[in-house]
């Protein structure tokens, strides 16, 4: 976890997608991700700014999320990215 924390801070991402249910729970707890009721995603403070975080189950494979949830996740990520670009 320590290494992942350092790597994420170094990468300084515009947003984060965690595509595994267990990893999502660990990420939420480790980074104290808070749900943003206005935007509909989790967020963490990273390098002095708020970073959107999308917590999800697996995207492919036998236990993957259904196609409709996957479509909605892609829409939500795109919308969040556009909002970041505007403001």
PDB file of N, CA and C in Angstrom:
ATOM      1  N   UNK A   1       0.824  -1.195   0.000  1.00  0.00           N
ATOM      2  CA  UNK A   1       0.000   0.000   0.000  1.00  0.00           C
ATOM      3  C   UNK A   1       0.869   1.260   0.000  1.00  0.00           C
ATOM      4  N   UNK A   2       1.976   1.178   0.716  1.00  0.00           N
ATOM      5  CA  UNK A   2       2.871   2.329   0.773  1.00  0.00           C
ATOM      6  C   UNK A   2       3.411   2.679  -0.613  1.00  0.00           C
ATOM      7  N   UNK A   3       3.815   1.642  -1.348  1.00  0.00           N
ATOM      8  CA  UNK A   3       4.350   1.847  -2.696  1.00  0.00           C
ATOM      9  C   UNK A   3       3.264   2.412  -3.620  1.00  0.00           C
ATOM     10  N   UNK A   4       2.060   1.869  -3.534  1.00  0.00           N
ATOM     11  CA  UNK A   4       0.986   2.373  -4.402  1.00  0.00           C
ATOM     12  C   UNK A   4       0.680   3.835  -4.084  1.00  0.00           C
ATOM     13  N   UNK A   5       0.723   4.208  -2.827  1.00  0.00           N
ATOM     14  CA  UNK A   5       0.486   5.592  -2.434  1.00  0.00           C
ATOM     15  C   UNK A   5       1.531   6.517  -3.057  1.00  0.00           C
ATOM     16  N   UNK A   6       2.779   6.113  -2.995  1.00  0.00           N
ATOM     17  CA  UNK A   6       3.853   6.913  -3.590  1.00  0.00           C
ATOM     18  C   UNK A   6       3.708   7.009  -5.105  1.00  0.00           C
ATOM     19  N   UNK A   7       3.383   5.894  -5.752  1.00  0.00           N
ATOM     20  CA  UNK A   7       3.245   5.883  -7.210  1.00  0.00           C
ATOM     21  C   UNK A   7       2.070   6.742  -7.671  1.00  0.00           C
ATOM     22  N   UNK A   8       0.960   6.674  -6.959  1.00  0.00           N
ATOM     23  CA  UNK A   8      -0.199   7.489  -7.326  1.00  0.00           C
ATOM     24  C   UNK A   8       0.123   8.975  -7.161  1.00  0.00           C
ATOM     25  N   UNK A   9       0.761   9.333  -6.072  1.00  0.00           N
ATOM     26  CA  UNK A   9       1.135  10.740  -5.857  1.00  0.00           C
ATOM     27  C   UNK A   9       2.106  11.207  -6.942  1.00  0.00           C
ATOM     28  N   UNK A  10       3.046  10.351  -7.306  1.00  0.00           N
ATOM     29  CA  UNK A  10       4.034  10.705  -8.336  1.00  0.00           C
ATOM     30  C   UNK A  10       3.368  10.856  -9.704  1.00  0.00           C
ATOM     31  N   UNK A  11       2.436   9.970 -10.028  1.00  0.00           N
ATOM     32  CA  UNK A  11       1.747  10.018 -11.323  1.00  0.00           C
ATOM     33  C   UNK A  11       0.851  11.252 -11.440  1.00  0.00           C
ATOM     34  N   UNK A  12       0.373  11.754 -10.306  1.00  0.00           N
ATOM     35  CA  UNK A  12      -0.471  12.950 -10.252  1.00  0.00           C
ATOM     36  C   UNK A  12      -1.626  12.871 -11.262  1.00  0.00           C
ATOM     37  N   UNK A  13      -2.467  11.821 -11.161  1.00  0.00           N
ATOM     38  CA  UNK A  13      -3.528  11.616 -12.151  1.00  0.00           C
ATOM     39  C   UNK A  13      -4.632  12.658 -12.076  1.00  0.00           C
ATOM     40  N   UNK A  14      -5.309  12.862 -13.198  1.00  0.00           N
ATOM     41  CA  UNK A  14      -6.461  13.763 -13.242  1.00  0.00           C
ATOM     42  C   UNK A  14      -7.686  13.077 -12.650  1.00  0.00           C
ATOM     43  N   UNK A  15      -7.744  11.754 -12.768  1.00  0.00           N
ATOM     44  CA  UNK A  15      -8.789  10.966 -12.142  1.00  0.00           C
ATOM     45  C   UNK A  15      -8.296   9.531 -12.012  1.00  0.00           C
ATOM     46  N   UNK A  16      -8.978   8.767 -11.178  1.00  0.00           N
ATOM     47  CA  UNK A  16      -8.568   7.396 -10.897  1.00  0.00           C
ATOM     48  C   UNK A  16      -9.781   6.487 -11.064  1.00  0.00           C
ATOM     49  N   UNK A  17      -9.571   5.350 -11.751  1.00  0.00           N
ATOM     50  CA  UNK A  17     -10.598   4.323 -11.879  1.00  0.00           C
ATOM     51  C   UNK A  17     -10.040   3.053 -11.252  1.00  0.00           C
ATOM     52  N   UNK A  18     -10.733   2.530 -10.256  1.00  0.00           N
ATOM     53  CA  UNK A  18     -10.329   1.280  -9.609  1.00  0.00           C
ATOM     54  C   UNK A  18     -11.331   0.224 -10.054  1.00  0.00           C
ATOM     55  N   UNK A  19     -10.886  -0.708 -10.893  1.00  0.00           N
ATOM     56  CA  UNK A  19     -11.794  -1.668 -11.529  1.00  0.00           C
ATOM     57  C   UNK A  19     -11.682  -3.057 -10.903  1.00  0.00           C
ATOM     58  N   UNK A  20     -11.982  -3.145  -9.624  1.00  0.00           N
ATOM     59  CA  UNK A  20     -12.007  -4.409  -8.914  1.00  0.00           C
ATOM     60  C   UNK A  20     -12.704  -4.129  -7.583  1.00  0.00           C
ATOM     61  N   UNK A  21     -13.668  -4.968  -7.220  1.00  0.00           N
ATOM     62  CA  UNK A  21     -14.470  -4.700  -6.021  1.00  0.00           C
ATOM     63  C   UNK A  21     -13.625  -4.683  -4.745  1.00  0.00           C
ATOM     64  N   UNK A  22     -12.754  -5.657  -4.575  1.00  0.00           N
ATOM     65  CA  UNK A  22     -11.911  -5.692  -3.376  1.00  0.00           C
ATOM     66  C   UNK A  22     -10.939  -4.517  -3.378  1.00  0.00           C
ATOM     67  N   UNK A  23     -10.308  -4.268  -4.508  1.00  0.00           N
ATOM     68  CA  UNK A  23      -9.378  -3.138  -4.606  1.00  0.00           C
ATOM     69  C   UNK A  23     -10.102  -1.821  -4.346  1.00  0.00           C
ATOM     70  N   UNK A  24     -11.349  -1.717  -4.792  1.00  0.00           N
ATOM     71  CA  UNK A  24     -12.135  -0.498  -4.545  1.00  0.00           C
ATOM     72  C   UNK A  24     -12.353  -0.277  -3.055  1.00  0.00           C
ATOM     73  N   UNK A  25     -12.708  -1.348  -2.338  1.00  0.00           N
ATOM     74  CA  UNK A  25     -12.903  -1.219  -0.884  1.00  0.00           C
ATOM     75  C   UNK A  25     -11.597  -0.821  -0.198  1.00  0.00           C
ATOM     76  N   UNK A  26     -10.493  -1.467  -0.586  1.00  0.00           N
ATOM     77  CA  UNK A  26      -9.190  -1.134   0.011  1.00  0.00           C
ATOM     78  C   UNK A  26      -8.795   0.304  -0.293  1.00  0.00           C
ATOM     79  N   UNK A  27      -9.012   0.727  -1.546  1.00  0.00           N
ATOM     80  CA  UNK A  27      -8.671   2.098  -1.946  1.00  0.00           C
ATOM     81  C   UNK A  27      -9.478   3.097  -1.129  1.00  0.00           C
ATOM     82  N   UNK A  28     -10.790   2.873  -1.026  1.00  0.00           N
ATOM     83  CA  UNK A  28     -11.662   3.793  -0.292  1.00  0.00           C
ATOM     84  C   UNK A  28     -11.203   3.945   1.154  1.00  0.00           C
ATOM     85  N   UNK A  29     -10.873   2.830   1.778  1.00  0.00           N
ATOM     86  CA  UNK A  29     -10.440   2.874   3.172  1.00  0.00           C
ATOM     87  C   UNK A  29      -9.050   3.487   3.329  1.00  0.00           C
ATOM     88  N   UNK A  30      -8.123   3.084   2.482  1.00  0.00           N
ATOM     89  CA  UNK A  30      -6.738   3.556   2.582  1.00  0.00           C
ATOM     90  C   UNK A  30      -6.620   5.056   2.339  1.00  0.00           C
ATOM     91  N   UNK A  31      -7.342   5.557   1.343  1.00  0.00           N
ATOM     92  CA  UNK A  31      -7.222   6.967   0.963  1.00  0.00           C
ATOM     93  C   UNK A  31      -8.335   7.833   1.539  1.00  0.00           C
ATOM     94  N   UNK A  32      -9.181   7.247   2.391  1.00  0.00           N
ATOM     95  CA  UNK A  32     -10.309   7.976   2.985  1.00  0.00           C
ATOM     96  C   UNK A  32     -11.118   8.719   1.922  1.00  0.00           C
ATOM     97  N   UNK A  33     -11.407   8.014   0.845  1.00  0.00           N
ATOM     98  CA  UNK A  33     -12.174   8.608  -0.251  1.00  0.00           C
ATOM     99  C   UNK A  33     -13.572   8.966   0.243  1.00  0.00           C
ATOM    100  N   UNK A  34     -14.000  10.163  -0.073  1.00  0.00           N
ATOM    101  CA  UNK A  34     -15.313  10.661   0.337  1.00  0.00           C
ATOM    102  C   UNK A  34     -16.212  10.763  -0.888  1.00  0.00           C
ATOM    103  N   UNK A  35     -17.476  10.354  -0.727  1.00  0.00           N
ATOM    104  CA  UNK A  35     -18.414  10.445  -1.839  1.00  0.00           C
ATOM    105  C   UNK A  35     -18.875  11.876  -2.021  1.00  0.00           C
ATOM    106  N   UNK A  36     -18.814  12.373  -3.253  1.00  0.00           N
ATOM    107  CA  UNK A  36     -19.252  13.723  -3.608  1.00  0.00           C
ATOM    108  C   UNK A  36     -20.681  13.622  -4.156  1.00  0.00           C
ATOM    109  N   UNK A  37     -21.644  14.035  -3.359  1.00  0.00           N
ATOM    110  CA  UNK A  37     -23.052  13.935  -3.753  1.00  0.00           C
ATOM    111  C   UNK A  37     -23.423  14.846  -4.911  1.00  0.00           C
ATOM    112  N   UNK A  38     -22.657  15.878  -5.142  1.00  0.00           N
ATOM    113  CA  UNK A  38     -22.945  16.787  -6.253  1.00  0.00           C
ATOM    114  C   UNK A  38     -22.536  16.153  -7.577  1.00  0.00           C
ATOM    115  N   UNK A  39     -21.350  15.556  -7.609  1.00  0.00           N
ATOM    116  CA  UNK A  39     -20.814  14.998  -8.852  1.00  0.00           C
ATOM    117  C   UNK A  39     -21.076  13.504  -9.021  1.00  0.00           C
ATOM    118  N   UNK A  40     -21.371  12.812  -7.943  1.00  0.00           N
ATOM    119  CA  UNK A  40     -21.703  11.401  -8.029  1.00  0.00           C
ATOM    120  C   UNK A  40     -20.526  10.455  -8.111  1.00  0.00           C
ATOM    121  N   UNK A  41     -19.376  10.885  -7.601  1.00  0.00           N
ATOM    122  CA  UNK A  41     -18.211  10.001  -7.547  1.00  0.00           C
ATOM    123  C   UNK A  41     -17.458  10.258  -6.256  1.00  0.00           C
ATOM    124  N   UNK A  42     -16.532   9.366  -5.949  1.00  0.00           N
ATOM    125  CA  UNK A  42     -15.668   9.565  -4.788  1.00  0.00           C
ATOM    126  C   UNK A  42     -14.565  10.541  -5.171  1.00  0.00           C
ATOM    127  N   UNK A  43     -13.924  11.121  -4.182  1.00  0.00           N
ATOM    128  CA  UNK A  43     -12.809  12.025  -4.436  1.00  0.00           C
ATOM    129  C   UNK A  43     -11.794  11.892  -3.303  1.00  0.00           C
ATOM    130  N   UNK A  44     -10.536  12.117  -3.659  1.00  0.00           N
ATOM    131  CA  UNK A  44      -9.462  12.159  -2.665  1.00  0.00           C
ATOM    132  C   UNK A  44      -8.680  13.443  -2.869  1.00  0.00           C
ATOM    133  N   UNK A  45      -8.022  13.881  -1.820  1.00  0.00           N
ATOM    134  CA  UNK A  45      -7.108  15.009  -1.925  1.00  0.00           C
ATOM    135  C   UNK A  45      -5.748  14.443  -2.315  1.00  0.00           C
ATOM    136  N   UNK A  46      -5.196  14.958  -3.394  1.00  0.00           N
ATOM    137  CA  UNK A  46      -3.912  14.479  -3.888  1.00  0.00           C
ATOM    138  C   UNK A  46      -3.110  15.661  -4.399  1.00  0.00           C
ATOM    139  N   UNK A  47      -1.936  15.851  -3.848  1.00  0.00           N
ATOM    140  CA  UNK A  47      -1.057  16.948  -4.266  1.00  0.00           C
ATOM    141  C   UNK A  47      -1.778  18.296  -4.244  1.00  0.00           C
ATOM    142  N   UNK A  48      -2.592  18.502  -3.220  1.00  0.00           N
ATOM    143  CA  UNK A  48      -3.244  19.790  -3.025  1.00  0.00           C
ATOM    144  C   UNK A  48      -4.496  20.022  -3.849  1.00  0.00           C
ATOM    145  N   UNK A  49      -5.039  18.984  -4.474  1.00  0.00           N
ATOM    146  CA  UNK A  49      -6.269  19.166  -5.245  1.00  0.00           C
ATOM    147  C   UNK A  49      -7.170  17.941  -5.101  1.00  0.00           C
ATOM    148  N   UNK A  50      -8.424  18.131  -5.438  1.00  0.00           N
ATOM    149  CA  UNK A  50      -9.404  17.050  -5.366  1.00  0.00           C
ATOM    150  C   UNK A  50      -9.350  16.244  -6.664  1.00  0.00           C
ATOM    151  N   UNK A  51      -9.236  14.925  -6.523  1.00  0.00           N
ATOM    152  CA  UNK A  51      -9.149  14.035  -7.689  1.00  0.00           C
ATOM    153  C   UNK A  51     -10.358  13.104  -7.675  1.00  0.00           C
ATOM    154  N   UNK A  52     -11.139  13.087  -8.779  1.00  0.00           N
ATOM    155  CA  UNK A  52     -12.276  12.168  -8.866  1.00  0.00           C
ATOM    156  C   UNK A  52     -11.803  10.715  -8.862  1.00  0.00           C
ATOM    157  N   UNK A  53     -12.545   9.869  -8.165  1.00  0.00           N
ATOM    158  CA  UNK A  53     -12.221   8.448  -8.092  1.00  0.00           C
ATOM    159  C   UNK A  53     -13.485   7.650  -8.402  1.00  0.00           C
ATOM    160  N   UNK A  54     -13.373   6.745  -9.353  1.00  0.00           N
ATOM    161  CA  UNK A  54     -14.474   5.860  -9.711  1.00  0.00           C
ATOM    162  C   UNK A  54     -14.150   4.469  -9.200  1.00  0.00           C
ATOM    163  N   UNK A  55     -14.967   3.985  -8.283  1.00  0.00           N
ATOM    164  CA  UNK A  55     -14.782   2.661  -7.713  1.00  0.00           C
ATOM    165  C   UNK A  55     -15.767   1.727  -8.398  1.00  0.00           C
ATOM    166  N   UNK A  56     -15.258   0.617  -8.935  1.00  0.00           N
ATOM    167  CA  UNK A  56     -16.107  -0.273  -9.722  1.00  0.00           C
ATOM    168  C   UNK A  56     -15.688  -1.723  -9.528  1.00  0.00           C
ATOM    169  N   UNK A  57     -16.512  -2.606 -10.051  1.00  0.00           N
ATOM    170  CA  UNK A  57     -16.134  -4.020 -10.080  1.00  0.00           C
ATOM    171  C   UNK A  57     -15.314  -4.261 -11.347  1.00  0.00           C
ATOM    172  N   UNK A  58     -14.987  -5.500 -11.595  1.00  0.00           N
ATOM    173  CA  UNK A  58     -14.168  -5.828 -12.770  1.00  0.00           C
ATOM    174  C   UNK A  58     -14.896  -5.422 -14.050  1.00  0.00           C
ATOM    175  N   UNK A  59     -14.139  -5.027 -15.061  1.00  0.00           N
ATOM    176  CA  UNK A  59     -14.723  -4.576 -16.319  1.00  0.00           C
ATOM    177  C   UNK A  59     -14.917  -5.719 -17.301  1.00  0.00           C
ATOM    178  N   UNK A  60     -14.118  -6.774 -17.189  1.00  0.00           N
ATOM    179  CA  UNK A  60     -14.221  -7.913 -18.099  1.00  0.00           C
ATOM    180  C   UNK A  60     -14.154  -9.208 -17.303  1.00  0.00           C
ATOM    181  N   UNK A  61     -14.494 -10.290 -17.944  1.00  0.00           N
ATOM    182  CA  UNK A  61     -14.391 -11.589 -17.295  1.00  0.00           C
ATOM    183  C   UNK A  61     -15.725 -12.094 -16.780  1.00  0.00           C
ATOM    184  N   UNK A  62     -15.678 -13.237 -16.129  1.00  0.00           N
ATOM    185  CA  UNK A  62     -16.882 -13.933 -15.679  1.00  0.00           C
ATOM    186  C   UNK A  62     -17.702 -13.124 -14.676  1.00  0.00           C
ATOM    187  N   UNK A  63     -17.055 -12.400 -13.793  1.00  0.00           N
ATOM    188  CA  UNK A  63     -17.776 -11.654 -12.753  1.00  0.00           C
ATOM    189  C   UNK A  63     -17.767 -10.153 -13.017  1.00  0.00           C
ATOM    190  N   UNK A  64     -17.691  -9.795 -14.291  1.00  0.00           N
ATOM    191  CA  UNK A  64     -17.629  -8.382 -14.678  1.00  0.00           C
ATOM    192  C   UNK A  64     -18.986  -7.702 -14.510  1.00  0.00           C
ATOM    193  N   UNK A  65     -18.953  -6.375 -14.488  1.00  0.00           N
ATOM    194  CA  UNK A  65     -20.205  -5.622 -14.397  1.00  0.00           C
ATOM    195  C   UNK A  65     -20.995  -5.806 -15.694  1.00  0.00           C
ATOM    196  N   UNK A  66     -22.294  -5.605 -15.605  1.00  0.00           N
ATOM    197  CA  UNK A  66     -23.141  -5.765 -16.787  1.00  0.00           C
ATOM    198  C   UNK A  66     -22.872  -4.640 -17.790  1.00  0.00           C
ATOM    199  N   UNK A  67     -23.301  -4.851 -19.019  1.00  0.00           N
ATOM    200  CA  UNK A  67     -23.029  -3.899 -20.104  1.00  0.00           C
ATOM    201  C   UNK A  67     -23.619  -2.520 -19.835  1.00  0.00           C
ATOM    202  N   UNK A  68     -24.766  -2.465 -19.198  1.00  0.00           N
ATOM    203  CA  UNK A  68     -25.422  -1.178 -18.951  1.00  0.00           C
ATOM    204  C   UNK A  68     -24.673  -0.374 -17.889  1.00  0.00           C
ATOM    205  N   UNK A  69     -24.213  -1.056 -16.869  1.00  0.00           N
ATOM    206  CA  UNK A  69     -23.420  -0.380 -15.833  1.00  0.00           C
ATOM    207  C   UNK A  69     -22.087   0.088 -16.414  1.00  0.00           C
ATOM    208  N   UNK A  70     -21.509  -0.733 -17.295  1.00  0.00           N
ATOM    209  CA  UNK A  70     -20.249  -0.365 -17.943  1.00  0.00           C
ATOM    210  C   UNK A  70     -20.434   0.870 -18.827  1.00  0.00           C
ATOM    211  N   UNK A  71     -21.535   0.910 -19.564  1.00  0.00           N
ATOM    212  CA  UNK A  71     -21.841   2.058 -20.420  1.00  0.00           C
ATOM    213  C   UNK A  71     -22.012   3.323 -19.572  1.00  0.00           C
ATOM    214  N   UNK A  72     -22.718   3.180 -18.448  1.00  0.00           N
ATOM    215  CA  UNK A  72     -22.941   4.315 -17.553  1.00  0.00           C
ATOM    216  C   UNK A  72     -21.627   4.791 -16.936  1.00  0.00           C
ATOM    217  N   UNK A  73     -20.743   3.855 -16.558  1.00  0.00           N
ATOM    218  CA  UNK A  73     -19.441   4.216 -15.998  1.00  0.00           C
ATOM    219  C   UNK A  73     -18.622   5.012 -17.011  1.00  0.00           C
ATOM    220  N   UNK A  74     -18.596   4.562 -18.263  1.00  0.00           N
ATOM    221  CA  UNK A  74     -17.856   5.292 -19.308  1.00  0.00           C
ATOM    222  C   UNK A  74     -18.418   6.695 -19.483  1.00  0.00           C
ATOM    223  N   UNK A  75     -19.752   6.833 -19.473  1.00  0.00           N
ATOM    224  CA  UNK A  75     -20.381   8.148 -19.606  1.00  0.00           C
ATOM    225  C   UNK A  75     -19.981   9.050 -18.447  1.00  0.00           C
ATOM    226  N   UNK A  76     -19.997   8.501 -17.240  1.00  0.00           N
ATOM    227  CA  UNK A  76     -19.704   9.275 -16.038  1.00  0.00           C
ATOM    228  C   UNK A  76     -18.246   9.747 -16.028  1.00  0.00           C
ATOM    229  N   UNK A  77     -17.332   8.875 -16.424  1.00  0.00           N
ATOM    230  CA  UNK A  77     -15.914   9.240 -16.491  1.00  0.00           C
ATOM    231  C   UNK A  77     -15.708  10.353 -17.510  1.00  0.00           C
ATOM    232  N   UNK A  78     -16.325  10.213 -18.683  1.00  0.00           N
ATOM    233  CA  UNK A  78     -16.197  11.237 -19.726  1.00  0.00           C
ATOM    234  C   UNK A  78     -16.745  12.579 -19.245  1.00  0.00           C
ATOM    235  N   UNK A  79     -17.893  12.548 -18.577  1.00  0.00           N
ATOM    236  CA  UNK A  79     -18.504  13.777 -18.057  1.00  0.00           C
ATOM    237  C   UNK A  79     -17.607  14.434 -17.010  1.00  0.00           C
ATOM    238  N   UNK A  80     -17.046  13.648 -16.110  1.00  0.00           N
ATOM    239  CA  UNK A  80     -16.160  14.193 -15.077  1.00  0.00           C
ATOM    240  C   UNK A  80     -14.914  14.803 -15.707  1.00  0.00           C
ATOM    241  N   UNK A  81     -14.380  14.146 -16.720  1.00  0.00           N
ATOM    242  CA  UNK A  81     -13.195  14.675 -17.407  1.00  0.00           C
ATOM    243  C   UNK A  81     -13.516  16.000 -18.072  1.00  0.00           C
ATOM    244  N   UNK A  82     -14.664  16.090 -18.746  1.00  0.00           N
ATOM    245  CA  UNK A  82     -15.073  17.342 -19.395  1.00  0.00           C
ATOM    246  C   UNK A  82     -15.258  18.454 -18.377  1.00  0.00           C
ATOM    247  N   UNK A  83     -15.847  18.150 -17.233  1.00  0.00           N
ATOM    248  CA  UNK A  83     -16.044  19.152 -16.186  1.00  0.00           C
ATOM    249  C   UNK A  83     -14.713  19.668 -15.660  1.00  0.00           C
ATOM    250  N   UNK A  84     -13.729  18.762 -15.540  1.00  0.00           N
ATOM    251  CA  UNK A  84     -12.390  19.185 -15.087  1.00  0.00           C
ATOM    252  C   UNK A  84     -11.758  20.122 -16.102  1.00  0.00           C
ATOM    253  N   UNK A  85     -11.948  19.851 -17.372  1.00  0.00           N
ATOM    254  CA  UNK A  85     -11.362  20.690 -18.408  1.00  0.00           C
ATOM    255  C   UNK A  85     -11.968  22.080 -18.423  1.00  0.00           C
ATOM    256  N   UNK A  86     -13.247  22.178 -18.058  1.00  0.00           N
ATOM    257  CA  UNK A  86     -13.960  23.465 -18.063  1.00  0.00           C
ATOM    258  C   UNK A  86     -13.620  24.294 -16.830  1.00  0.00           C
ATOM    259  N   UNK A  87     -13.331  23.647 -15.739  1.00  0.00           N
ATOM    260  CA  UNK A  87     -13.167  24.438 -14.528  1.00  0.00           C
ATOM    261  C   UNK A  87     -12.092  23.920 -13.740  1.00  0.00           C
TER     262      UNK A  87
END
